[in-house]
Amino acid sequence: MLIVRDYNNIKFMINQDEADLFSDHLQTLEKQIDPGIKRHNWSSSIDNFVYNCRRECQGVFSNVQMFQNNQKKILDEFERISSTCITNIQKAIYLLTAFITQ
């Protein structure tokens, strides 16, 4: 049950674009979990299986979380840069007499 909860947390956390980006990680995780679903002999070494699967889930979860945090920081910087004033032009009214040379 712990493995299922960890895996579901990852799947609920990411959107489709991120799922495409992390597809290799998710496939590796699914390969690790798959024997427990299909053919694992639950009378032997269940502790090792659960420990290894949860460790892999936590690794993928932390990578996704780090990616999302960094993406948010980048978007915040883009917003800050886009709202920064680069030049400050002073408007002035000139009279025609200022341009007439004598």
C-alpha atoms as a PDB file:
ATOM      1  CA  MET A   1       0.000   0.000   0.000  1.00  0.00           C
ATOM      2  CA  LEU A   2       2.877   2.370   0.733  1.00  0.00           C
ATOM      3  CA  ILE A   3       4.321   1.834  -2.730  1.00  0.00           C
ATOM      4  CA  VAL A   4       0.970   2.572  -4.363  1.00  0.00           C
ATOM      5  CA  ARG A   5       0.591   5.773  -2.339  1.00  0.00           C
ATOM      6  CA  ASP A   6       4.112   6.922  -3.239  1.00  0.00           C
ATOM      7  CA  TYR A   7       3.560   6.176  -6.926  1.00  0.00           C
ATOM      8  CA  ASN A   8       0.178   7.929  -6.951  1.00  0.00           C
ATOM      9  CA  ASN A   9       1.695  10.999  -5.285  1.00  0.00           C
ATOM     10  CA  ILE A  10       4.125  11.241  -8.184  1.00  0.00           C
ATOM     11  CA  LYS A  11       1.428  10.770 -10.822  1.00  0.00           C
ATOM     12  CA  PHE A  12      -0.886  13.365  -9.231  1.00  0.00           C
ATOM     13  CA  MET A  13       1.966  15.820  -8.830  1.00  0.00           C
ATOM     14  CA  ILE A  14       3.002  16.078 -12.488  1.00  0.00           C
ATOM     15  CA  ASN A  15       1.186  17.392 -15.532  1.00  0.00           C
ATOM     16  CA  GLN A  16       1.350  15.824 -18.990  1.00  0.00           C
ATOM     17  CA  ASP A  17       4.350  17.850 -20.166  1.00  0.00           C
ATOM     18  CA  GLU A  18       6.318  16.881 -17.085  1.00  0.00           C
ATOM     19  CA  ALA A  19       5.240  13.253 -17.499  1.00  0.00           C
ATOM     20  CA  ASP A  20       6.715  13.320 -20.990  1.00  0.00           C
ATOM     21  CA  LEU A  21       9.906  14.842 -19.638  1.00  0.00           C
ATOM     22  CA  PHE A  22      10.228  12.294 -16.837  1.00  0.00           C
ATOM     23  CA  SER A  23       9.014   9.314 -18.884  1.00  0.00           C
ATOM     24  CA  ASP A  24      12.334   7.451 -18.545  1.00  0.00           C
ATOM     25  CA  HIS A  25      12.271   7.839 -14.769  1.00  0.00           C
ATOM     26  CA  LEU A  26       8.647   6.731 -14.587  1.00  0.00           C
ATOM     27  CA  GLN A  27       9.308   3.691 -16.792  1.00  0.00           C
ATOM     28  CA  THR A  28      12.226   2.664 -14.588  1.00  0.00           C
ATOM     29  CA  LEU A  29      10.011   3.054 -11.545  1.00  0.00           C
ATOM     30  CA  GLU A  30       7.230   0.991 -13.137  1.00  0.00           C
ATOM     31  CA  LYS A  31       9.721  -1.765 -14.014  1.00  0.00           C
ATOM     32  CA  GLN A  32      10.820  -1.859 -10.398  1.00  0.00           C
ATOM     33  CA  ILE A  33       7.242  -2.042  -9.105  1.00  0.00           C
ATOM     34  CA  ASP A  34       5.950  -4.442 -11.784  1.00  0.00           C
ATOM     35  CA  PRO A  35       7.284  -7.690 -10.251  1.00  0.00           C
ATOM     36  CA  GLY A  36       5.350  -6.997  -7.052  1.00  0.00           C
ATOM     37  CA  ILE A  37       2.154  -6.643  -9.019  1.00  0.00           C
ATOM     38  CA  LYS A  38       2.518  -9.622 -11.350  1.00  0.00           C
ATOM     39  CA  ARG A  39       4.809 -12.335 -10.070  1.00  0.00           C
ATOM     40  CA  HIS A  40       6.429 -11.490  -6.743  1.00  0.00           C
ATOM     41  CA  ASN A  41       6.501 -14.299  -4.206  1.00  0.00           C
ATOM     42  CA  TRP A  42       5.192 -12.401  -1.210  1.00  0.00           C
ATOM     43  CA  SER A  43       6.505 -14.972   1.261  1.00  0.00           C
ATOM     44  CA  SER A  44      10.133 -14.023   0.571  1.00  0.00           C
ATOM     45  CA  SER A  45      12.080 -10.772   0.981  1.00  0.00           C
ATOM     46  CA  ILE A  46       9.108  -8.461   0.986  1.00  0.00           C
ATOM     47  CA  ASP A  47      10.963  -5.943   3.132  1.00  0.00           C
ATOM     48  CA  ASN A  48      13.704  -5.530   0.535  1.00  0.00           C
ATOM     49  CA  PHE A  49      11.172  -5.197  -2.266  1.00  0.00           C
ATOM     50  CA  VAL A  50       9.155  -2.526  -0.437  1.00  0.00           C
ATOM     51  CA  TYR A  51      12.300  -0.676   0.663  1.00  0.00           C
ATOM     52  CA  ASN A  52      13.765  -0.610  -2.866  1.00  0.00           C
ATOM     53  CA  CYS A  53      10.494   0.459  -4.483  1.00  0.00           C
ATOM     54  CA  ARG A  54       9.883   3.213  -1.970  1.00  0.00           C
ATOM     55  CA  ARG A  55      13.459   4.451  -2.302  1.00  0.00           C
ATOM     56  CA  GLU A  56      13.026   4.628  -6.086  1.00  0.00           C
ATOM     57  CA  CYS A  57       9.670   6.429  -5.689  1.00  0.00           C
ATOM     58  CA  GLN A  58      11.205   8.940  -3.303  1.00  0.00           C
ATOM     59  CA  GLY A  59      14.066   9.563  -5.730  1.00  0.00           C
ATOM     60  CA  VAL A  60      11.703  10.259  -8.624  1.00  0.00           C
ATOM     61  CA  PHE A  61       9.471  12.372  -6.375  1.00  0.00           C
ATOM     62  CA  SER A  62      12.392  14.520  -5.226  1.00  0.00           C
ATOM     63  CA  ASN A  63      13.606  14.974  -8.821  1.00  0.00           C
ATOM     64  CA  VAL A  64      10.152  16.083  -9.968  1.00  0.00           C
ATOM     65  CA  GLN A  65       9.770  18.378  -6.973  1.00  0.00           C
ATOM     66  CA  MET A  66      13.201  19.931  -7.590  1.00  0.00           C
ATOM     67  CA  PHE A  67      12.308  20.438 -11.267  1.00  0.00           C
ATOM     68  CA  GLN A  68       9.013  22.126 -10.369  1.00  0.00           C
ATOM     69  CA  ASN A  69      10.682  24.395  -7.803  1.00  0.00           C
ATOM     70  CA  ASN A  70      13.387  25.419 -10.287  1.00  0.00           C
ATOM     71  CA  GLN A  71      10.788  25.987 -12.998  1.00  0.00           C
ATOM     72  CA  LYS A  72       8.877  28.283 -10.643  1.00  0.00           C
ATOM     73  CA  LYS A  73      12.068  30.220  -9.859  1.00  0.00           C
ATOM     74  CA  ILE A  74      12.780  30.627 -13.576  1.00  0.00           C
ATOM     75  CA  LEU A  75       9.244  31.855 -14.271  1.00  0.00           C
ATOM     76  CA  ASP A  76       9.515  34.299 -11.368  1.00  0.00           C
ATOM     77  CA  GLU A  77      12.782  35.642 -12.824  1.00  0.00           C
ATOM     78  CA  PHE A  78      11.178  35.992 -16.257  1.00  0.00           C
ATOM     79  CA  GLU A  79       8.370  37.969 -14.660  1.00  0.00           C
ATOM     80  CA  ARG A  80      10.823  40.170 -12.781  1.00  0.00           C
ATOM     81  CA  ILE A  81      12.884  40.785 -15.933  1.00  0.00           C
ATOM     82  CA  SER A  82       9.835  41.552 -18.044  1.00  0.00           C
ATOM     83  CA  SER A  83       8.638  44.157 -15.566  1.00  0.00           C
ATOM     84  CA  THR A  84      12.043  45.852 -15.257  1.00  0.00           C
ATOM     85  CA  CYS A  85      12.352  49.284 -16.845  1.00  0.00           C
ATOM     86  CA  ILE A  86      15.547  49.400 -18.877  1.00  0.00           C
ATOM     87  CA  THR A  87      15.414  53.007 -20.071  1.00  0.00           C
ATOM     88  CA  ASN A  88      13.925  56.166 -18.702  1.00  0.00           C
ATOM     89  CA  ILE A  89      13.192  58.769 -21.354  1.00  0.00           C
ATOM     90  CA  GLN A  90      12.402  62.269 -20.148  1.00  0.00           C
ATOM     91  CA  LYS A  91       9.841  64.073 -22.258  1.00  0.00           C
ATOM     92  CA  ALA A  92      10.330  67.762 -22.835  1.00  0.00           C
ATOM     93  CA  ILE A  93       8.487  70.378 -24.854  1.00  0.00           C
ATOM     94  CA  TYR A  94      10.724  72.413 -27.135  1.00  0.00           C
ATOM     95  CA  LEU A  95       9.799  75.705 -28.690  1.00  0.00           C
ATOM     96  CA  LEU A  96      10.613  76.457 -32.292  1.00  0.00           C
ATOM     97  CA  THR A  97      12.706  79.424 -31.236  1.00  0.00           C
ATOM     98  CA  ALA A  98      15.157  77.086 -29.524  1.00  0.00           C
ATOM     99  CA  PHE A  99      16.098  75.623 -32.901  1.00  0.00           C
ATOM    100  CA  ILE A 100      16.489  78.893 -34.811  1.00  0.00           C
ATOM    101  CA  THR A 101      20.115  79.889 -35.081  1.00  0.00           C
ATOM    102  CA  GLN A 102      21.090  83.518 -35.457  1.00  0.00           C
END
